[in-house]
Protein backbone atom coordinates (compact mmCIF):
# COMPACT_ATOMS: atom_id res chain seq x y z
CA MET A 1 -10.76 -2.94 10.41
CA ARG A 2 -8.56 -0.65 8.31
CA ILE A 3 -5.15 0.30 9.68
CA ASN A 4 -3.22 3.28 8.25
CA ILE A 5 0.60 3.25 8.61
CA LEU A 6 2.50 6.54 7.95
CA HIS A 7 6.09 5.81 6.92
CA LEU A 8 7.98 9.14 7.19
CA TYR A 9 10.85 9.83 4.70
CA SER A 10 10.96 6.22 3.54
CA ASP A 11 13.36 7.19 0.74
CA LEU A 12 15.77 9.29 2.84
CA MET A 13 15.64 7.39 6.16
CA ASN A 14 16.07 3.80 5.13
CA LEU A 15 19.77 3.35 5.47
CA TYR A 16 19.81 -0.19 6.96
CA GLY A 17 16.70 -1.80 5.46
CA ASP A 18 14.44 -0.06 7.90
CA TYR A 19 11.48 -0.70 5.62
CA GLY A 20 11.55 -4.25 7.02
CA ASN A 21 9.88 -2.92 10.20
CA VAL A 22 6.89 -1.69 8.24
CA SER A 23 6.79 -4.79 6.13
CA ILE A 24 6.64 -7.28 9.01
CA LEU A 25 4.19 -5.07 10.98
CA LYS A 26 1.86 -4.91 7.99
CA SER A 27 2.07 -8.72 7.59
CA ARG A 28 1.24 -9.31 11.26
CA LEU A 29 -1.67 -6.91 11.17
CA ILE A 30 -3.05 -8.72 8.07
CA ASP A 31 -2.71 -11.99 10.06
CA GLN A 32 -5.06 -10.36 12.62
CA GLY A 33 -7.67 -9.73 9.95
CA ALA A 34 -6.88 -6.08 9.34
CA GLU A 35 -6.77 -4.26 6.04
CA VAL A 36 -3.50 -2.32 6.04
CA ASN A 37 -2.69 0.84 4.10
CA VAL A 38 0.92 2.13 4.07
CA VAL A 39 1.43 5.78 3.16
CA CYS A 40 4.99 6.89 2.41
CA LYS A 41 5.84 10.59 2.65
CA THR A 42 9.05 12.52 1.90
CA ILE A 43 10.39 16.07 1.57
CA GLY A 44 7.82 18.48 0.40
CA ASP A 45 4.89 16.14 0.60
CA GLU A 46 1.74 17.06 2.31
CA ILE A 47 1.62 15.09 5.57
CA SER A 48 -1.54 14.32 7.57
CA PHE A 49 -1.63 12.57 10.87
CA ASP A 50 -5.45 12.35 10.78
CA ASP A 51 -6.69 8.74 10.76
CA THR A 52 -3.09 7.54 11.18
CA ASP A 53 -2.69 4.53 13.44
CA PHE A 54 1.09 4.10 13.41
CA VAL A 55 4.00 6.41 12.51
CA TYR A 56 7.42 5.06 11.63
CA CYS A 57 10.77 6.71 10.79
CA GLY A 58 14.07 4.93 10.22
CA ALA A 59 17.77 5.76 10.07
CA GLY A 60 19.49 7.92 7.40
CA THR A 61 22.72 9.74 6.67
CA GLU A 62 23.42 12.71 8.94
CA SER A 63 22.56 15.19 6.13
CA ASN A 64 19.27 13.39 5.39
CA LEU A 65 18.39 13.41 9.09
CA LEU A 66 18.56 17.21 9.21
CA LEU A 67 16.55 17.45 5.96
CA ALA A 68 13.84 15.25 7.42
CA LEU A 69 13.77 17.17 10.71
CA GLU A 70 13.37 20.55 9.09
CA ASP A 71 10.68 19.21 6.78
CA LEU A 72 8.72 17.62 9.55
CA LYS A 73 8.78 20.89 11.55
CA ARG A 74 6.16 22.15 9.10
CA TYR A 75 3.80 19.82 10.97
CA LYS A 76 5.17 20.20 14.44
CA GLU A 77 1.84 20.88 16.14
CA ASP A 78 0.12 17.99 14.36
CA PHE A 79 2.99 15.66 15.09
CA ILE A 80 3.09 16.50 18.78
CA ARG A 81 -0.68 16.20 18.99
CA TYR A 82 -0.34 12.65 17.50
CA ILE A 83 2.31 11.76 20.06
CA ASP A 84 0.26 13.14 22.93
CA SER A 85 -2.70 11.09 21.78
CA GLY A 86 -0.81 7.95 22.81
CA LYS A 87 -1.03 6.34 19.40
CA PRO A 88 1.85 4.02 18.46
CA CYS A 89 5.04 5.45 16.97
CA LEU A 90 8.55 4.06 16.35
CA PHE A 91 11.71 6.08 15.48
CA THR A 92 14.82 3.97 14.89
CA GLY A 93 18.50 4.77 14.27
CA ASN A 94 19.48 8.38 14.26
CA SER A 95 15.85 9.49 13.58
CA MET A 96 15.50 9.15 17.38
CA GLU A 97 17.52 12.37 17.62
CA MET A 98 14.53 14.26 16.17
CA LEU A 99 12.54 13.40 19.26
CA GLY A 100 14.99 14.99 21.74
CA LYS A 101 15.50 18.63 22.66
CA SER A 102 18.34 19.40 20.20
CA ILE A 103 21.02 18.09 17.87
CA SER A 104 24.37 19.85 18.31
CA SER A 105 27.77 19.80 16.67
CA GLU A 106 30.94 21.90 17.10
CA THR A 107 29.40 24.60 14.92
CA SER A 108 25.65 24.58 15.52
CA THR A 109 22.75 23.53 17.68
CA ILE A 110 19.44 22.63 16.00
CA GLU A 111 16.20 22.50 17.93
CA ALA A 112 14.27 19.23 17.74
CA PHE A 113 10.79 18.24 18.95
CA SER A 114 11.44 17.79 22.70
CA VAL A 115 9.23 14.71 23.03
CA PHE A 116 11.94 13.45 25.33
CA GLY A 117 14.44 15.52 27.41
CA TYR A 118 17.60 14.23 25.89
CA GLU A 119 20.08 16.08 23.74
CA ALA A 120 22.15 14.60 20.84
CA LYS A 121 25.76 15.68 20.49
CA LYS A 122 27.65 14.83 17.27
CA GLU A 123 31.03 13.10 17.71
CA LYS A 124 34.04 13.02 15.42
CA GLU A 125 34.02 9.23 15.14
CA ARG A 126 31.15 6.84 14.48
CA ILE A 127 30.03 4.57 17.32
CA ILE A 128 29.28 1.04 16.09
CA GLY A 129 28.36 -2.22 17.82
CA ASN A 130 25.84 -4.81 18.83
CA VAL A 131 23.70 -4.17 21.90
CA ILE A 132 21.52 -5.99 24.41
CA ILE A 133 19.03 -3.66 26.16
CA LYS A 134 16.91 -4.39 29.22
CA SER A 135 13.81 -2.19 29.51
CA ASP A 136 11.28 -2.22 32.36
CA ALA A 137 8.59 -1.93 29.75
CA PHE A 138 9.29 -5.42 28.35
CA ASN A 139 9.85 -8.92 29.69
CA GLU A 140 12.47 -9.92 27.15
CA LYS A 141 15.86 -8.37 26.50
CA ILE A 142 16.14 -6.40 23.20
CA VAL A 143 18.84 -7.18 20.76
CA GLY A 144 20.10 -5.08 17.92
CA PHE A 145 22.84 -3.13 16.18
CA VAL A 146 23.84 0.52 16.56
CA ASN A 147 25.72 2.64 14.05
CA LYS A 148 25.58 6.32 15.12
CA GLN A 149 27.44 9.58 14.96
CA ALA A 150 26.18 11.07 18.21
CA THR A 151 25.94 10.49 21.96
CA ILE A 152 22.87 11.19 23.99
CA LYS A 153 23.02 13.45 27.09
CA ASP A 154 20.17 12.90 29.46
CA ASP A 155 20.00 13.51 33.18
CA SER A 156 16.65 11.87 33.64
CA SER A 157 15.90 8.25 34.36
CA ILE A 158 15.72 6.24 31.19
CA SER A 159 13.57 3.26 30.09
CA GLY A 160 16.29 1.08 28.63
CA ILE A 161 19.67 0.06 30.08
CA ASN A 162 22.28 -1.25 27.73
CA ILE A 163 23.98 -4.32 29.30
CA TYR A 164 26.31 -5.21 26.44
CA ASN A 165 28.94 -3.23 24.57
CA SER A 166 27.99 -0.25 26.72
CA SER A 167 30.91 2.06 25.68
CA HIS A 168 29.19 5.23 24.41
CA MET A 169 26.00 3.20 23.83
CA GLU A 170 24.17 4.64 26.83
CA ASN A 171 20.69 6.12 26.41
CA SER A 172 19.87 4.15 23.29
CA PHE A 173 16.33 3.14 24.08
CA TYR A 174 13.39 5.17 25.27
CA VAL A 175 9.68 4.27 25.85
CA LYS A 176 6.74 6.68 26.33
CA GLU A 177 3.38 4.94 26.31
CA SER A 178 3.18 3.43 22.81
CA LEU A 179 6.15 5.38 21.49
CA ILE A 180 9.56 3.83 21.15
CA SER A 181 12.69 5.90 20.34
CA THR A 182 15.85 3.89 19.84
CA TYR A 183 19.32 4.04 18.19
CA ILE A 184 18.92 0.38 17.09
CA THR A 185 19.02 0.35 13.31
CA GLY A 186 17.53 -1.91 10.71
CA PRO A 187 14.59 -4.25 11.21
CA ILE A 188 14.33 -4.12 15.04
CA LEU A 189 10.87 -5.58 14.89
CA VAL A 190 12.06 -8.58 12.94
CA LYS A 191 14.71 -9.33 15.49
CA ASN A 192 12.54 -8.80 18.53
CA PRO A 193 9.17 -10.64 18.58
CA GLU A 194 8.02 -9.02 21.80
CA LEU A 195 8.43 -5.49 20.37
CA LEU A 196 6.55 -6.50 17.29
CA ASP A 197 3.74 -8.02 19.31
CA PHE A 198 3.67 -4.82 21.47
CA PHE A 199 3.01 -2.71 18.40
CA VAL A 200 0.41 -5.06 16.92
CA LYS A 201 -1.55 -4.97 20.15
CA SER A 202 -1.10 -1.25 20.69
CA ILE A 203 -2.27 -0.38 17.15
CA ILE A 204 -5.32 -2.62 17.30
CA SER A 205 -6.34 -1.65 20.83
CA LYS A 206 -6.11 2.07 19.98
CA LYS A 207 -8.17 1.53 16.84
CA ASP A 208 -10.83 -0.66 18.38
CA SER A 209 -10.60 -1.65 22.11
CA ASN A 210 -13.21 -4.26 21.63
CA TYR A 211 -11.40 -6.05 18.81
CA GLU A 212 -10.39 -9.62 19.81
CA ILE A 213 -6.71 -10.08 19.08
CA LYS A 214 -5.86 -13.57 17.82
CA LYS A 215 -3.21 -15.72 19.49
CA ILE A 216 -0.84 -16.72 16.67
CA GLU A 217 2.48 -18.48 17.12
CA TYR A 218 5.52 -17.67 15.04
CA PRO A 219 8.04 -20.32 16.16
CA ASN A 220 10.77 -19.48 13.60
CA GLU A 221 10.92 -15.86 14.64
CA ASP A 222 11.04 -16.78 18.31
CA LEU A 223 13.87 -19.23 17.60
CA GLY A 224 15.82 -16.58 15.68
CA TYR A 225 15.51 -14.15 18.54
CA LYS A 226 16.64 -16.62 21.16
CA GLN A 227 19.67 -17.62 19.05
CA ALA A 228 20.69 -14.06 18.44
CA LEU A 229 20.43 -13.31 22.18
CA ILE A 230 22.45 -16.38 23.07
CA ASN A 231 25.17 -15.40 20.59
CA LEU A 232 25.46 -11.91 22.04
CA GLU A 233 25.32 -13.02 25.66
CA ASN A 234 28.13 -15.56 24.96
CA ASN A 235 30.31 -12.66 23.89
CA ILE A 236 29.79 -10.63 27.07
CA GLY A 237 32.98 -10.38 29.00
């Protein structure tokens, strides 16, 4: 089985070692017996979502975010068609703002892709801190770090509730079928084994529903997650 991963703007949107998400996902898929092809695309490149099995975009500077957004708009119909197909997709850090309705500042409002109904509003100060998120879509709590310049306005019900360091960290995690949009930066899949397993299973099942997924244990990763969660929970209150 050949799996094609599309890493969008890997040079511009890689502020916190976000490539680690693609690296560990590739490794896990290889463990499942798949042949994995990673295609990196940036500004001005021809982008095709045909035969793509997973799309990833990470965090970047505020200026790079807007460059990436405007470039990806060239393929808006193809991108939305990919999303609507239910194939797996992960946007982390401020790239999640591209999936909302708009990104606004004191001087401008820029239309985004409206995959979700939220709106991003730029703030004067950066908002930084560790988070623990509980989502109805997952059994385990999600741990991570957020470093952002915007707050998210959303009147709808959301998929993830932040239960730690919640000041201005609301609406940091969204799920839609096999799409996850989150402000958590860096290698979120390395830190959260259940999320990594979710994408491995989603990618393979979408590619071949009859493919038998191997049960493989990764004890060191599980131990690292548990320790990170304990450390954060001990700091609550």
